[in-house]
Amino acid sequence: MTQKVKLLDQVRAVARARHLSNRTEDTYHNFIKKFILFHDKRHPKEMSAEQISAFLTDLAVSGKVSASTQNQALFACEQCRFIRAL
């Protein structure tokens, strides 16, 4: 019997495989968690680029984050989509 690996654990594993720093790994983990919570705990597997765009827009408008922070959030979401493709 195989046990499913949680999404955020997969994110950490991929970040380590790509030799990302611990800070980057933590940042991606936190952005993906915010992304999931922003969409009422829907699994990223069920979401498209439109939902990513809505999340990034909300970060910019409500969160008043910089462009570089938005880019980090985008890369985190893309990493999540990469895992989804595995």
N, C-alpha and C. Protein backbone atom coordinates (compact mmCIF):
# COMPACT_ATOMS: atom_id res chain seq x y z
N MET A 1 0.85 -1.17 0.00
CA MET A 1 0.00 0.00 0.00
C MET A 1 0.90 1.24 0.00
N THR A 2 0.72 2.09 -0.98
CA THR A 2 1.52 3.30 -1.07
C THR A 2 0.74 4.47 -0.50
N GLN A 3 1.48 5.33 0.16
CA GLN A 3 0.86 6.50 0.77
C GLN A 3 1.13 7.70 -0.12
N LYS A 4 0.10 8.53 -0.32
CA LYS A 4 0.25 9.72 -1.16
C LYS A 4 1.14 10.73 -0.45
N VAL A 5 1.99 11.37 -1.23
CA VAL A 5 2.87 12.41 -0.69
C VAL A 5 2.12 13.74 -0.82
N LYS A 6 2.12 14.50 0.25
CA LYS A 6 1.41 15.78 0.25
C LYS A 6 2.07 16.75 -0.73
N LEU A 7 1.26 17.64 -1.28
CA LEU A 7 1.74 18.58 -2.28
C LEU A 7 2.89 19.43 -1.76
N LEU A 8 2.76 20.00 -0.58
CA LEU A 8 3.81 20.87 -0.07
C LEU A 8 5.09 20.11 0.24
N ASP A 9 4.97 18.83 0.55
CA ASP A 9 6.16 17.99 0.71
C ASP A 9 6.82 17.75 -0.65
N GLN A 10 6.01 17.61 -1.68
CA GLN A 10 6.55 17.47 -3.04
C GLN A 10 7.26 18.75 -3.47
N VAL A 11 6.68 19.89 -3.10
CA VAL A 11 7.31 21.18 -3.43
C VAL A 11 8.69 21.26 -2.81
N ARG A 12 8.79 20.88 -1.55
CA ARG A 12 10.08 20.90 -0.87
C ARG A 12 11.07 19.93 -1.53
N ALA A 13 10.60 18.76 -1.91
CA ALA A 13 11.49 17.77 -2.54
C ALA A 13 12.02 18.27 -3.88
N VAL A 14 11.16 18.90 -4.67
CA VAL A 14 11.59 19.42 -5.97
C VAL A 14 12.56 20.58 -5.77
N ALA A 15 12.29 21.43 -4.78
CA ALA A 15 13.20 22.55 -4.50
C ALA A 15 14.58 22.03 -4.11
N ARG A 16 14.61 20.98 -3.32
CA ARG A 16 15.89 20.40 -2.92
C ARG A 16 16.59 19.75 -4.11
N ALA A 17 15.82 19.10 -4.98
CA ALA A 17 16.41 18.47 -6.16
C ALA A 17 16.99 19.52 -7.11
N ARG A 18 16.41 20.70 -7.11
CA ARG A 18 16.91 21.79 -7.95
C ARG A 18 17.98 22.61 -7.25
N HIS A 19 18.36 22.19 -6.05
CA HIS A 19 19.40 22.84 -5.26
C HIS A 19 19.08 24.30 -4.95
N LEU A 20 17.81 24.58 -4.67
CA LEU A 20 17.42 25.92 -4.27
C LEU A 20 17.80 26.13 -2.81
N SER A 21 18.04 27.37 -2.44
CA SER A 21 18.41 27.65 -1.05
C SER A 21 17.22 27.38 -0.12
N ASN A 22 17.52 27.21 1.15
CA ASN A 22 16.47 26.96 2.14
C ASN A 22 15.48 28.13 2.20
N ARG A 23 16.00 29.34 2.08
CA ARG A 23 15.12 30.53 2.10
C ARG A 23 14.17 30.52 0.90
N THR A 24 14.69 30.17 -0.26
CA THR A 24 13.85 30.11 -1.46
C THR A 24 12.80 29.02 -1.31
N GLU A 25 13.22 27.89 -0.79
CA GLU A 25 12.30 26.78 -0.54
C GLU A 25 11.18 27.22 0.39
N ASP A 26 11.52 27.89 1.47
CA ASP A 26 10.51 28.38 2.42
C ASP A 26 9.59 29.41 1.78
N THR A 27 10.17 30.29 0.97
CA THR A 27 9.38 31.32 0.30
C THR A 27 8.38 30.68 -0.66
N TYR A 28 8.84 29.74 -1.47
CA TYR A 28 7.94 29.05 -2.40
C TYR A 28 6.84 28.31 -1.64
N HIS A 29 7.23 27.64 -0.58
CA HIS A 29 6.26 26.91 0.25
C HIS A 29 5.18 27.85 0.75
N ASN A 30 5.59 29.01 1.27
CA ASN A 30 4.62 29.97 1.81
C ASN A 30 3.72 30.56 0.73
N PHE A 31 4.28 30.87 -0.44
CA PHE A 31 3.46 31.41 -1.52
C PHE A 31 2.45 30.38 -2.01
N ILE A 32 2.86 29.13 -2.13
CA ILE A 32 1.93 28.10 -2.58
C ILE A 32 0.82 27.90 -1.56
N LYS A 33 1.19 27.95 -0.30
CA LYS A 33 0.18 27.84 0.76
C LYS A 33 -0.83 29.00 0.67
N LYS A 34 -0.33 30.23 0.47
CA LYS A 34 -1.21 31.39 0.32
C LYS A 34 -2.08 31.24 -0.92
N PHE A 35 -1.49 30.72 -2.00
CA PHE A 35 -2.23 30.51 -3.25
C PHE A 35 -3.39 29.55 -3.03
N ILE A 36 -3.14 28.45 -2.34
CA ILE A 36 -4.19 27.46 -2.07
C ILE A 36 -5.27 28.06 -1.18
N LEU A 37 -4.86 28.77 -0.15
CA LEU A 37 -5.85 29.39 0.75
C LEU A 37 -6.64 30.49 0.06
N PHE A 38 -5.99 31.23 -0.84
CA PHE A 38 -6.67 32.29 -1.59
C PHE A 38 -7.83 31.70 -2.40
N HIS A 39 -7.64 30.49 -2.91
CA HIS A 39 -8.68 29.84 -3.72
C HIS A 39 -9.47 28.82 -2.90
N ASP A 40 -9.71 29.13 -1.64
CA ASP A 40 -10.56 28.32 -0.76
C ASP A 40 -10.15 26.86 -0.69
N LYS A 41 -8.84 26.64 -0.55
CA LYS A 41 -8.25 25.32 -0.33
C LYS A 41 -8.48 24.35 -1.50
N ARG A 42 -8.62 24.91 -2.70
CA ARG A 42 -8.70 24.04 -3.89
C ARG A 42 -7.29 23.55 -4.22
N HIS A 43 -7.21 22.35 -4.72
CA HIS A 43 -5.92 21.79 -5.09
C HIS A 43 -5.44 22.46 -6.37
N PRO A 44 -4.16 22.81 -6.46
CA PRO A 44 -3.63 23.46 -7.67
C PRO A 44 -3.86 22.64 -8.95
N LYS A 45 -4.04 21.34 -8.80
CA LYS A 45 -4.31 20.48 -9.94
C LYS A 45 -5.60 20.93 -10.67
N GLU A 46 -6.52 21.51 -9.90
CA GLU A 46 -7.81 21.93 -10.45
C GLU A 46 -7.79 23.35 -11.00
N MET A 47 -6.66 24.04 -10.89
CA MET A 47 -6.61 25.45 -11.26
C MET A 47 -5.80 25.68 -12.53
N SER A 48 -6.09 26.80 -13.17
CA SER A 48 -5.42 27.14 -14.43
C SER A 48 -4.63 28.43 -14.27
N ALA A 49 -4.10 28.89 -15.39
CA ALA A 49 -3.33 30.14 -15.40
C ALA A 49 -4.18 31.33 -14.96
N GLU A 50 -5.47 31.27 -15.20
CA GLU A 50 -6.36 32.37 -14.79
C GLU A 50 -6.38 32.53 -13.27
N GLN A 51 -6.37 31.42 -12.54
CA GLN A 51 -6.36 31.49 -11.08
C GLN A 51 -5.02 32.02 -10.58
N ILE A 52 -3.94 31.66 -11.25
CA ILE A 52 -2.63 32.19 -10.87
C ILE A 52 -2.62 33.69 -11.09
N SER A 53 -3.17 34.12 -12.21
CA SER A 53 -3.24 35.55 -12.51
C SER A 53 -4.07 36.30 -11.47
N ALA A 54 -5.18 35.72 -11.06
CA ALA A 54 -6.03 36.35 -10.04
C ALA A 54 -5.29 36.48 -8.72
N PHE A 55 -4.53 35.44 -8.37
CA PHE A 55 -3.75 35.47 -7.13
C PHE A 55 -2.68 36.56 -7.18
N LEU A 56 -1.96 36.63 -8.31
CA LEU A 56 -0.90 37.63 -8.45
C LEU A 56 -1.47 39.05 -8.45
N THR A 57 -2.63 39.22 -9.07
CA THR A 57 -3.28 40.53 -9.07
C THR A 57 -3.68 40.93 -7.66
N ASP A 58 -4.20 39.98 -6.91
CA ASP A 58 -4.57 40.26 -5.52
C ASP A 58 -3.34 40.62 -4.68
N LEU A 59 -2.23 39.92 -4.92
CA LEU A 59 -0.99 40.26 -4.21
C LEU A 59 -0.59 41.70 -4.49
N ALA A 60 -0.69 42.10 -5.76
CA ALA A 60 -0.28 43.44 -6.15
C ALA A 60 -1.21 44.50 -5.59
N VAL A 61 -2.51 44.25 -5.65
CA VAL A 61 -3.49 45.27 -5.26
C VAL A 61 -3.68 45.29 -3.75
N SER A 62 -4.03 44.16 -3.17
CA SER A 62 -4.31 44.11 -1.74
C SER A 62 -3.04 44.06 -0.89
N GLY A 63 -2.09 43.26 -1.35
CA GLY A 63 -0.87 43.09 -0.60
C GLY A 63 0.16 44.18 -0.84
N LYS A 64 -0.04 44.92 -1.93
CA LYS A 64 0.88 46.00 -2.30
C LYS A 64 2.33 45.53 -2.32
N VAL A 65 2.55 44.40 -2.99
CA VAL A 65 3.90 43.84 -3.06
C VAL A 65 4.62 44.36 -4.30
N SER A 66 5.92 44.26 -4.29
CA SER A 66 6.74 44.72 -5.41
C SER A 66 6.68 43.71 -6.56
N ALA A 67 7.20 44.15 -7.70
CA ALA A 67 7.23 43.28 -8.88
C ALA A 67 8.10 42.05 -8.63
N SER A 68 9.19 42.21 -7.91
CA SER A 68 10.07 41.06 -7.65
C SER A 68 9.37 40.04 -6.75
N THR A 69 8.54 40.51 -5.83
CA THR A 69 7.79 39.59 -4.97
C THR A 69 6.74 38.85 -5.80
N GLN A 70 6.11 39.56 -6.73
CA GLN A 70 5.16 38.91 -7.62
C GLN A 70 5.86 37.84 -8.46
N ASN A 71 7.07 38.13 -8.91
CA ASN A 71 7.82 37.14 -9.69
C ASN A 71 8.12 35.90 -8.87
N GLN A 72 8.48 36.09 -7.61
CA GLN A 72 8.72 34.93 -6.74
C GLN A 72 7.46 34.10 -6.59
N ALA A 73 6.33 34.77 -6.41
CA ALA A 73 5.06 34.06 -6.28
C ALA A 73 4.74 33.31 -7.58
N LEU A 74 5.01 33.94 -8.71
CA LEU A 74 4.77 33.30 -10.00
C LEU A 74 5.65 32.05 -10.15
N PHE A 75 6.92 32.16 -9.82
CA PHE A 75 7.82 31.00 -9.92
C PHE A 75 7.38 29.89 -8.98
N ALA A 76 6.88 30.25 -7.81
CA ALA A 76 6.38 29.24 -6.86
C ALA A 76 5.18 28.51 -7.47
N CYS A 77 4.27 29.28 -8.06
CA CYS A 77 3.09 28.66 -8.68
C CYS A 77 3.50 27.80 -9.88
N GLU A 78 4.48 28.25 -10.63
CA GLU A 78 4.96 27.45 -11.76
C GLU A 78 5.60 26.15 -11.28
N GLN A 79 6.29 26.21 -10.17
CA GLN A 79 6.88 25.00 -9.60
C GLN A 79 5.77 24.03 -9.22
N CYS A 80 4.70 24.58 -8.70
CA CYS A 80 3.55 23.76 -8.32
C CYS A 80 2.94 23.10 -9.57
N ARG A 81 2.86 23.85 -10.66
CA ARG A 81 2.33 23.29 -11.90
C ARG A 81 3.28 22.23 -12.46
N PHE A 82 4.59 22.41 -12.26
CA PHE A 82 5.56 21.40 -12.69
C PHE A 82 5.32 20.09 -11.94
N ILE A 83 5.08 20.18 -10.66
CA ILE A 83 4.83 18.99 -9.85
C ILE A 83 3.54 18.32 -10.32
N ARG A 84 2.57 19.14 -10.67
CA ARG A 84 1.29 18.61 -11.14
C ARG A 84 1.48 17.77 -12.40
N ALA A 85 2.47 18.15 -13.22
CA ALA A 85 2.72 17.43 -14.47
C ALA A 85 3.44 16.11 -14.26
N LEU A 86 4.02 15.89 -13.09
CA LEU A 86 4.77 14.65 -12.82
C LEU A 86 3.84 13.45 -12.70
